[in-house]
Each structure stands twice: as C-alpha cells, then as structure tokens.
Amino acid sequence: MAVKKHDNSRKKAAAKATRTNAPDAEVRRAALTIREFCKAYPLSEAMYFKLRAAGGGPREMRVGRKVMISIEAADDWRRARENASQAIA
C-alpha cells in the first residue's frame, strides 16, 4: 500500500502571498522605548529622567510593563524645546 503525501503547496503559496516581510515592505515604528528615544535625541538616560522629574520630558504611555514614547509625542517634545530655545535667544 502506497503512502499518500499531503499536498501543502496551496497552503505554502497562500502563506507566501500574505507575508509582509518582503524587502520592499517597510513598517513604520509608532513608538520608541526610553533608550531608543535617548539615542534618537542625543540625550543620556540620566538626563531624560531628570527632565521627566522636572516635568520637561515627552508624554509617555505604558504598553504592558514598558514605557513608550509615541513618535508624535517625541515630535511635540522636540518642537517645544525648539520654541523654548528661540524664546531665550
């Protein structure tokens, strides 16, 4: 008696068609961790926490146990810093 092999080619083709990790597919980050934020805006983590304690940090959100900063909050924080430095000059 011959063993019948299952034809998985249709499943494989469907899975391949729905993949989003193709080289031309780019996923835009929606939020940064504190460490990523500090790398993006050359800032030490210690200075970040000092700014946050003084009320001068960006808006934060919690995702599970992680503290994240949305891209919009980072942009707003940067604009506020730019405006504050222009007001002084």
PDB file of N, CA and C in Angstrom:
ATOM      1  N   MET A   1       0.847  -1.172   0.000  1.00  0.00           N
ATOM      2  CA  MET A   1       0.000   0.000   0.000  1.00  0.00           C
ATOM      3  C   MET A   1       0.896   1.239   0.000  1.00  0.00           C
ATOM      4  N   ALA A   2       0.652   2.141  -0.904  1.00  0.00           N
ATOM      5  CA  ALA A   2       1.448   3.361  -1.011  1.00  0.00           C
ATOM      6  C   ALA A   2       0.953   4.400  -0.014  1.00  0.00           C
ATOM      7  N   VAL A   3       1.903   5.133   0.529  1.00  0.00           N
ATOM      8  CA  VAL A   3       1.566   6.202   1.475  1.00  0.00           C
ATOM      9  C   VAL A   3       1.248   7.451   0.669  1.00  0.00           C
ATOM     10  N   LYS A   4       0.101   8.017   0.921  1.00  0.00           N
ATOM     11  CA  LYS A   4      -0.328   9.214   0.193  1.00  0.00           C
ATOM     12  C   LYS A   4       0.247  10.460   0.865  1.00  0.00           C
ATOM     13  N   LYS A   5       0.947  11.275   0.097  1.00  0.00           N
ATOM     14  CA  LYS A   5       1.518  12.518   0.620  1.00  0.00           C
ATOM     15  C   LYS A   5       0.486  13.624   0.516  1.00  0.00           C
ATOM     16  N   HIS A   6       0.480  14.486   1.527  1.00  0.00           N
ATOM     17  CA  HIS A   6      -0.434  15.622   1.506  1.00  0.00           C
ATOM     18  C   HIS A   6       0.137  16.711   0.624  1.00  0.00           C
ATOM     19  N   ASP A   7      -0.715  17.344  -0.119  1.00  0.00           N
ATOM     20  CA  ASP A   7      -0.292  18.435  -0.984  1.00  0.00           C
ATOM     21  C   ASP A   7      -0.420  19.749  -0.212  1.00  0.00           C
ATOM     22  N   ASN A   8       0.701  20.246   0.269  1.00  0.00           N
ATOM     23  CA  ASN A   8       0.718  21.506   1.029  1.00  0.00           C
ATOM     24  C   ASN A   8       1.094  22.698   0.161  1.00  0.00           C
ATOM     25  N   SER A   9       1.217  22.514  -1.123  1.00  0.00           N
ATOM     26  CA  SER A   9       1.677  23.586  -1.994  1.00  0.00           C
ATOM     27  C   SER A   9       0.718  24.780  -1.994  1.00  0.00           C
ATOM     28  N   ARG A  10      -0.587  24.511  -1.924  1.00  0.00           N
ATOM     29  CA  ARG A  10      -1.552  25.623  -1.892  1.00  0.00           C
ATOM     30  C   ARG A  10      -1.419  26.421  -0.606  1.00  0.00           C
ATOM     31  N   LYS A  11      -1.227  25.722   0.523  1.00  0.00           N
ATOM     32  CA  LYS A  11      -1.065  26.418   1.804  1.00  0.00           C
ATOM     33  C   LYS A  11       0.201  27.260   1.795  1.00  0.00           C
ATOM     34  N   LYS A  12       1.279  26.687   1.255  1.00  0.00           N
ATOM     35  CA  LYS A  12       2.547  27.423   1.200  1.00  0.00           C
ATOM     36  C   LYS A  12       2.429  28.653   0.312  1.00  0.00           C
ATOM     37  N   ALA A  13       1.760  28.511  -0.818  1.00  0.00           N
ATOM     38  CA  ALA A  13       1.590  29.637  -1.735  1.00  0.00           C
ATOM     39  C   ALA A  13       0.752  30.735  -1.093  1.00  0.00           C
ATOM     40  N   ALA A  14      -0.299  30.356  -0.381  1.00  0.00           N
ATOM     41  CA  ALA A  14      -1.145  31.349   0.281  1.00  0.00           C
ATOM     42  C   ALA A  14      -0.374  32.062   1.388  1.00  0.00           C
ATOM     43  N   ALA A  15       0.415  31.323   2.146  1.00  0.00           N
ATOM     44  CA  ALA A  15       1.203  31.928   3.215  1.00  0.00           C
ATOM     45  C   ALA A  15       2.234  32.880   2.641  1.00  0.00           C
ATOM     46  N   LYS A  16       2.868  32.494   1.540  1.00  0.00           N
ATOM     47  CA  LYS A  16       3.878  33.343   0.912  1.00  0.00           C
ATOM     48  C   LYS A  16       3.252  34.638   0.384  1.00  0.00           C
ATOM     49  N   ALA A  17       2.053  34.539  -0.147  1.00  0.00           N
ATOM     50  CA  ALA A  17       1.375  35.710  -0.709  1.00  0.00           C
ATOM     51  C   ALA A  17       0.981  36.714   0.369  1.00  0.00           C
ATOM     52  N   THR A  18       0.761  36.250   1.596  1.00  0.00           N
ATOM     53  CA  THR A  18       0.317  37.159   2.645  1.00  0.00           C
ATOM     54  C   THR A  18       1.444  37.663   3.536  1.00  0.00           C
ATOM     55  N   ARG A  19       2.658  37.249   3.287  1.00  0.00           N
ATOM     56  CA  ARG A  19       3.785  37.712   4.110  1.00  0.00           C
ATOM     57  C   ARG A  19       4.015  39.194   3.896  1.00  0.00           C
ATOM     58  N   THR A  20       4.385  39.867   4.975  1.00  0.00           N
ATOM     59  CA  THR A  20       4.669  41.302   4.878  1.00  0.00           C
ATOM     60  C   THR A  20       6.142  41.589   5.080  1.00  0.00           C
ATOM     61  N   ASN A  21       6.976  40.558   5.185  1.00  0.00           N
ATOM     62  CA  ASN A  21       8.387  40.799   5.418  1.00  0.00           C
ATOM     63  C   ASN A  21       9.185  40.828   4.128  1.00  0.00           C
ATOM     64  N   ALA A  22       8.534  41.158   3.040  1.00  0.00           N
ATOM     65  CA  ALA A  22       9.219  41.311   1.769  1.00  0.00           C
ATOM     66  C   ALA A  22      10.159  42.512   1.861  1.00  0.00           C
ATOM     67  N   PRO A  23      11.235  42.518   1.075  1.00  0.00           N
ATOM     68  CA  PRO A  23      12.217  43.608   1.174  1.00  0.00           C
ATOM     69  C   PRO A  23      11.626  45.002   0.959  1.00  0.00           C
ATOM     70  N   ASP A  24      10.589  45.110   0.116  1.00  0.00           N
ATOM     71  CA  ASP A  24      10.036  46.427  -0.170  1.00  0.00           C
ATOM     72  C   ASP A  24       8.972  46.858   0.835  1.00  0.00           C
ATOM     73  N   ALA A  25       8.573  45.977   1.734  1.00  0.00           N
ATOM     74  CA  ALA A  25       7.572  46.324   2.747  1.00  0.00           C
ATOM     75  C   ALA A  25       8.287  46.902   3.964  1.00  0.00           C
ATOM     76  N   GLU A  26       7.972  48.129   4.292  1.00  0.00           N
ATOM     77  CA  GLU A  26       8.608  48.792   5.426  1.00  0.00           C
ATOM     78  C   GLU A  26       7.554  49.082   6.484  1.00  0.00           C
ATOM     79  N   VAL A  27       7.866  48.747   7.731  1.00  0.00           N
ATOM     80  CA  VAL A  27       6.954  49.001   8.835  1.00  0.00           C
ATOM     81  C   VAL A  27       7.461  50.214   9.588  1.00  0.00           C
ATOM     82  N   ARG A  28       6.622  51.198   9.727  1.00  0.00           N
ATOM     83  CA  ARG A  28       6.990  52.430  10.428  1.00  0.00           C
ATOM     84  C   ARG A  28       6.765  52.237  11.923  1.00  0.00           C
ATOM     85  N   ARG A  29       7.760  52.583  12.712  1.00  0.00           N
ATOM     86  CA  ARG A  29       7.643  52.474  14.153  1.00  0.00           C
ATOM     87  C   ARG A  29       6.634  53.497  14.649  1.00  0.00           C
ATOM     88  N   ALA A  30       5.797  53.109  15.588  1.00  0.00           N
ATOM     89  CA  ALA A  30       4.791  54.009  16.133  1.00  0.00           C
ATOM     90  C   ALA A  30       5.225  54.585  17.470  1.00  0.00           C
ATOM     91  N   ALA A  31       6.202  53.938  18.126  1.00  0.00           N
ATOM     92  CA  ALA A  31       6.639  54.391  19.440  1.00  0.00           C
ATOM     93  C   ALA A  31       8.070  53.953  19.684  1.00  0.00           C
ATOM     94  N   LEU A  32       8.716  54.654  20.603  1.00  0.00           N
ATOM     95  CA  LEU A  32      10.101  54.380  20.976  1.00  0.00           C
ATOM     96  C   LEU A  32      10.178  54.030  22.453  1.00  0.00           C
ATOM     97  N   THR A  33      11.137  53.183  22.804  1.00  0.00           N
ATOM     98  CA  THR A  33      11.416  52.978  24.220  1.00  0.00           C
ATOM     99  C   THR A  33      12.205  54.190  24.703  1.00  0.00           C
ATOM    100  N   ILE A  34      12.386  54.296  26.002  1.00  0.00           N
ATOM    101  CA  ILE A  34      13.177  55.414  26.532  1.00  0.00           C
ATOM    102  C   ILE A  34      14.595  55.369  25.977  1.00  0.00           C
ATOM    103  N   ARG A  35      15.179  54.188  25.920  1.00  0.00           N
ATOM    104  CA  ARG A  35      16.542  54.046  25.389  1.00  0.00           C
ATOM    105  C   ARG A  35      16.609  54.482  23.925  1.00  0.00           C
ATOM    106  N   GLU A  36      15.629  54.069  23.115  1.00  0.00           N
ATOM    107  CA  GLU A  36      15.607  54.471  21.706  1.00  0.00           C
ATOM    108  C   GLU A  36      15.402  55.968  21.558  1.00  0.00           C
ATOM    109  N   PHE A  37      14.543  56.538  22.401  1.00  0.00           N
ATOM    110  CA  PHE A  37      14.314  57.983  22.372  1.00  0.00           C
ATOM    111  C   PHE A  37      15.614  58.723  22.668  1.00  0.00           C
ATOM    112  N   CYS A  38      16.346  58.256  23.679  1.00  0.00           N
ATOM    113  CA  CYS A  38      17.596  58.916  24.058  1.00  0.00           C
ATOM    114  C   CYS A  38      18.646  58.806  22.960  1.00  0.00           C
ATOM    115  N   LYS A  39      18.639  57.715  22.212  1.00  0.00           N
ATOM    116  CA  LYS A  39      19.562  57.585  21.084  1.00  0.00           C
ATOM    117  C   LYS A  39      19.148  58.498  19.939  1.00  0.00           C
ATOM    118  N   ALA A  40      17.847  58.616  19.703  1.00  0.00           N
ATOM    119  CA  ALA A  40      17.343  59.446  18.606  1.00  0.00           C
ATOM    120  C   ALA A  40      17.592  60.928  18.858  1.00  0.00           C
ATOM    121  N   TYR A  41      17.488  61.349  20.113  1.00  0.00           N
ATOM    122  CA  TYR A  41      17.724  62.744  20.510  1.00  0.00           C
ATOM    123  C   TYR A  41      18.910  62.707  21.459  1.00  0.00           C
ATOM    124  N   PRO A  42      20.133  62.796  20.948  1.00  0.00           N
ATOM    125  CA  PRO A  42      21.326  62.540  21.768  1.00  0.00           C
ATOM    126  C   PRO A  42      21.195  63.095  23.193  1.00  0.00           C
ATOM    127  N   LEU A  43      20.797  62.208  24.060  1.00  0.00           N
ATOM    128  CA  LEU A  43      20.449  62.561  25.425  1.00  0.00           C
ATOM    129  C   LEU A  43      20.766  61.353  26.293  1.00  0.00           C
ATOM    130  N   SER A  44      21.430  61.565  27.408  1.00  0.00           N
ATOM    131  CA  SER A  44      21.696  60.422  28.287  1.00  0.00           C
ATOM    132  C   SER A  44      20.395  60.019  28.978  1.00  0.00           C
ATOM    133  N   GLU A  45      20.328  58.773  29.368  1.00  0.00           N
ATOM    134  CA  GLU A  45      19.135  58.309  30.061  1.00  0.00           C
ATOM    135  C   GLU A  45      18.990  59.015  31.402  1.00  0.00           C
ATOM    136  N   ALA A  46      20.101  59.321  32.047  1.00  0.00           N
ATOM    137  CA  ALA A  46      20.049  60.047  33.321  1.00  0.00           C
ATOM    138  C   ALA A  46      19.429  61.432  33.125  1.00  0.00           C
ATOM    139  N   MET A  47      19.823  62.106  32.050  1.00  0.00           N
ATOM    140  CA  MET A  47      19.254  63.427  31.770  1.00  0.00           C
ATOM    141  C   MET A  47      17.779  63.318  31.425  1.00  0.00           C
ATOM    142  N   TYR A  48      17.397  62.246  30.720  1.00  0.00           N
ATOM    143  CA  TYR A  48      15.982  62.025  30.405  1.00  0.00           C
ATOM    144  C   TYR A  48      15.167  61.952  31.693  1.00  0.00           C
ATOM    145  N   PHE A  49      15.643  61.174  32.655  1.00  0.00           N
ATOM    146  CA  PHE A  49      14.897  61.010  33.898  1.00  0.00           C
ATOM    147  C   PHE A  49      14.888  62.304  34.721  1.00  0.00           C
ATOM    148  N   LYS A  50      15.933  63.116  34.610  1.00  0.00           N
ATOM    149  CA  LYS A  50      15.934  64.425  35.279  1.00  0.00           C
ATOM    150  C   LYS A  50      14.885  65.334  34.641  1.00  0.00           C
ATOM    151  N   LEU A  51      14.851  65.344  33.314  1.00  0.00           N
ATOM    152  CA  LEU A  51      13.848  66.152  32.606  1.00  0.00           C
ATOM    153  C   LEU A  51      12.439  65.699  32.969  1.00  0.00           C
ATOM    154  N   ARG A  52      12.237  64.391  33.008  1.00  0.00           N
ATOM    155  CA  ARG A  52      10.915  63.846  33.337  1.00  0.00           C
ATOM    156  C   ARG A  52      10.505  64.241  34.748  1.00  0.00           C
ATOM    157  N   ALA A  53      11.425  64.165  35.694  1.00  0.00           N
ATOM    158  CA  ALA A  53      11.120  64.520  37.083  1.00  0.00           C
ATOM    159  C   ALA A  53      10.759  66.001  37.208  1.00  0.00           C
ATOM    160  N   ALA A  54      11.373  66.828  36.360  1.00  0.00           N
ATOM    161  CA  ALA A  54      11.107  68.265  36.387  1.00  0.00           C
ATOM    162  C   ALA A  54       9.891  68.641  35.543  1.00  0.00           C
ATOM    163  N   GLY A  55       9.260  67.658  34.916  1.00  0.00           N
ATOM    164  CA  GLY A  55       8.084  67.933  34.082  1.00  0.00           C
ATOM    165  C   GLY A  55       8.438  68.369  32.675  1.00  0.00           C
ATOM    166  N   GLY A  56       9.682  68.167  32.257  1.00  0.00           N
ATOM    167  CA  GLY A  56      10.118  68.609  30.933  1.00  0.00           C
ATOM    168  C   GLY A  56      10.332  67.501  29.939  1.00  0.00           C
ATOM    169  N   GLY A  57       9.885  66.305  30.252  1.00  0.00           N
ATOM    170  CA  GLY A  57      10.056  65.180  29.339  1.00  0.00           C
ATOM    171  C   GLY A  57       8.888  65.051  28.391  1.00  0.00           C
ATOM    172  N   PRO A  58       8.994  64.162  27.428  1.00  0.00           N
ATOM    173  CA  PRO A  58       7.883  63.940  26.490  1.00  0.00           C
ATOM    174  C   PRO A  58       6.751  63.156  27.155  1.00  0.00           C
ATOM    175  N   ARG A  59       5.579  63.201  26.543  1.00  0.00           N
ATOM    176  CA  ARG A  59       4.461  62.374  27.021  1.00  0.00           C
ATOM    177  C   ARG A  59       4.843  60.912  26.890  1.00  0.00           C
ATOM    178  N   GLU A  60       4.423  60.127  27.847  1.00  0.00           N
ATOM    179  CA  GLU A  60       4.728  58.704  27.853  1.00  0.00           C
ATOM    180  C   GLU A  60       3.437  57.894  27.874  1.00  0.00           C
ATOM    181  N   MET A  61       3.559  56.656  27.450  1.00  0.00           N
ATOM    182  CA  MET A  61       2.438  55.725  27.554  1.00  0.00           C
ATOM    183  C   MET A  61       3.004  54.382  28.007  1.00  0.00           C
ATOM    184  N   ARG A  62       2.177  53.628  28.665  1.00  0.00           N
ATOM    185  CA  ARG A  62       2.598  52.300  29.111  1.00  0.00           C
ATOM    186  C   ARG A  62       2.008  51.262  28.171  1.00  0.00           C
ATOM    187  N   VAL A  63       2.860  50.349  27.742  1.00  0.00           N
ATOM    188  CA  VAL A  63       2.450  49.220  26.922  1.00  0.00           C
ATOM    189  C   VAL A  63       2.905  47.990  27.696  1.00  0.00           C
ATOM    190  N   GLY A  64       1.965  47.404  28.411  1.00  0.00           N
ATOM    191  CA  GLY A  64       2.347  46.332  29.327  1.00  0.00           C
ATOM    192  C   GLY A  64       3.191  46.938  30.438  1.00  0.00           C
ATOM    193  N   ARG A  65       4.392  46.440  30.581  1.00  0.00           N
ATOM    194  CA  ARG A  65       5.298  46.978  31.596  1.00  0.00           C
ATOM    195  C   ARG A  65       6.296  47.975  31.020  1.00  0.00           C
ATOM    196  N   LYS A  66       6.276  48.146  29.701  1.00  0.00           N
ATOM    197  CA  LYS A  66       7.214  49.059  29.048  1.00  0.00           C
ATOM    198  C   LYS A  66       6.659  50.471  29.017  1.00  0.00           C
ATOM    199  N   VAL A  67       7.548  51.417  29.169  1.00  0.00           N
ATOM    200  CA  VAL A  67       7.207  52.825  29.000  1.00  0.00           C
ATOM    201  C   VAL A  67       7.642  53.205  27.592  1.00  0.00           C
ATOM    202  N   MET A  68       6.703  53.701  26.804  1.00  0.00           N
ATOM    203  CA  MET A  68       6.966  54.043  25.413  1.00  0.00           C
ATOM    204  C   MET A  68       6.645  55.513  25.166  1.00  0.00           C
ATOM    205  N   ILE A  69       7.279  56.060  24.155  1.00  0.00           N
ATOM    206  CA  ILE A  69       7.049  57.440  23.742  1.00  0.00           C
ATOM    207  C   ILE A  69       6.615  57.388  22.284  1.00  0.00           C
ATOM    208  N   SER A  70       5.413  57.860  22.012  1.00  0.00           N
ATOM    209  CA  SER A  70       4.932  57.816  20.627  1.00  0.00           C
ATOM    210  C   SER A  70       5.772  58.761  19.775  1.00  0.00           C
ATOM    211  N   ILE A  71       5.792  58.503  18.486  1.00  0.00           N
ATOM    212  CA  ILE A  71       6.530  59.356  17.554  1.00  0.00           C
ATOM    213  C   ILE A  71       5.967  60.774  17.611  1.00  0.00           C
ATOM    214  N   GLU A  72       4.655  60.887  17.738  1.00  0.00           N
ATOM    215  CA  GLU A  72       4.027  62.207  17.817  1.00  0.00           C
ATOM    216  C   GLU A  72       4.461  62.940  19.088  1.00  0.00           C
ATOM    217  N   ALA A  73       4.517  62.226  20.213  1.00  0.00           N
ATOM    218  CA  ALA A  73       4.943  62.846  21.475  1.00  0.00           C
ATOM    219  C   ALA A  73       6.395  63.294  21.384  1.00  0.00           C
ATOM    220  N   ALA A  74       7.229  62.498  20.731  1.00  0.00           N
ATOM    221  CA  ALA A  74       8.638  62.872  20.552  1.00  0.00           C
ATOM    222  C   ALA A  74       8.746  64.126  19.688  1.00  0.00           C
ATOM    223  N   ASP A  75       7.964  64.178  18.607  1.00  0.00           N
ATOM    224  CA  ASP A  75       7.975  65.366  17.740  1.00  0.00           C
ATOM    225  C   ASP A  75       7.481  66.598  18.486  1.00  0.00           C
ATOM    226  N   ASP A  76       6.417  66.458  19.271  1.00  0.00           N
ATOM    227  CA  ASP A  76       5.890  67.579  20.058  1.00  0.00           C
ATOM    228  C   ASP A  76       6.925  68.069  21.065  1.00  0.00           C
ATOM    229  N   TRP A  77       7.618  67.134  21.719  1.00  0.00           N
ATOM    230  CA  TRP A  77       8.644  67.487  22.705  1.00  0.00           C
ATOM    231  C   TRP A  77       9.777  68.260  22.026  1.00  0.00           C
ATOM    232  N   ARG A  78      10.216  67.784  20.860  1.00  0.00           N
ATOM    233  CA  ARG A  78      11.281  68.453  20.126  1.00  0.00           C
ATOM    234  C   ARG A  78      10.863  69.868  19.726  1.00  0.00           C
ATOM    235  N   ARG A  79       9.637  70.016  19.227  1.00  0.00           N
ATOM    236  CA  ARG A  79       9.152  71.353  18.847  1.00  0.00           C
ATOM    237  C   ARG A  79       9.091  72.288  20.051  1.00  0.00           C
ATOM    238  N   ALA A  80       8.644  71.766  21.184  1.00  0.00           N
ATOM    239  CA  ALA A  80       8.577  72.586  22.401  1.00  0.00           C
ATOM    240  C   ALA A  80       9.968  73.036  22.818  1.00  0.00           C
ATOM    241  N   ARG A  81      10.960  72.153  22.692  1.00  0.00           N
ATOM    242  CA  ARG A  81      12.337  72.525  23.038  1.00  0.00           C
ATOM    243  C   ARG A  81      12.856  73.584  22.070  1.00  0.00           C
ATOM    244  N   GLU A  82      12.531  73.422  20.773  1.00  0.00           N
ATOM    245  CA  GLU A  82      12.958  74.411  19.782  1.00  0.00           C
ATOM    246  C   GLU A  82      12.341  75.773  20.079  1.00  0.00           C
ATOM    247  N   ASN A  83      11.041  75.791  20.371  1.00  0.00           N
ATOM    248  CA  ASN A  83      10.349  77.059  20.677  1.00  0.00           C
ATOM    249  C   ASN A  83      10.904  77.704  21.932  1.00  0.00           C
ATOM    250  N   ALA A  84      11.218  76.895  22.944  1.00  0.00           N
ATOM    251  CA  ALA A  84      11.764  77.432  24.190  1.00  0.00           C
ATOM    252  C   ALA A  84      13.143  78.040  23.951  1.00  0.00           C
ATOM    253  N   SER A  85      13.961  77.407  23.113  1.00  0.00           N
ATOM    254  CA  SER A  85      15.299  77.948  22.849  1.00  0.00           C
ATOM    255  C   SER A  85      15.228  79.214  21.993  1.00  0.00           C
ATOM    256  N   GLN A  86      14.236  79.320  21.119  1.00  0.00           N
ATOM    257  CA  GLN A  86      14.073  80.523  20.299  1.00  0.00           C
ATOM    258  C   GLN A  86      13.579  81.687  21.158  1.00  0.00           C
ATOM    259  N   ALA A  87      12.777  81.395  22.175  1.00  0.00           N
ATOM    260  CA  ALA A  87      12.266  82.447  23.043  1.00  0.00           C
ATOM    261  C   ALA A  87      13.377  83.059  23.879  1.00  0.00           C
ATOM    262  N   ILE A  88      14.371  82.254  24.206  1.00  0.00           N
ATOM    263  CA  ILE A  88      15.503  82.742  25.011  1.00  0.00           C
ATOM    264  C   ILE A  88      16.438  83.584  24.178  1.00  0.00           C
ATOM    265  N   ALA A  89      16.652  83.193  22.921  1.00  0.00           N
ATOM    266  CA  ALA A  89      17.629  83.865  22.045  1.00  0.00           C
ATOM    267  C   ALA A  89      17.182  85.202  21.594  1.00  0.00           C
TER     268      ALA A  89
END
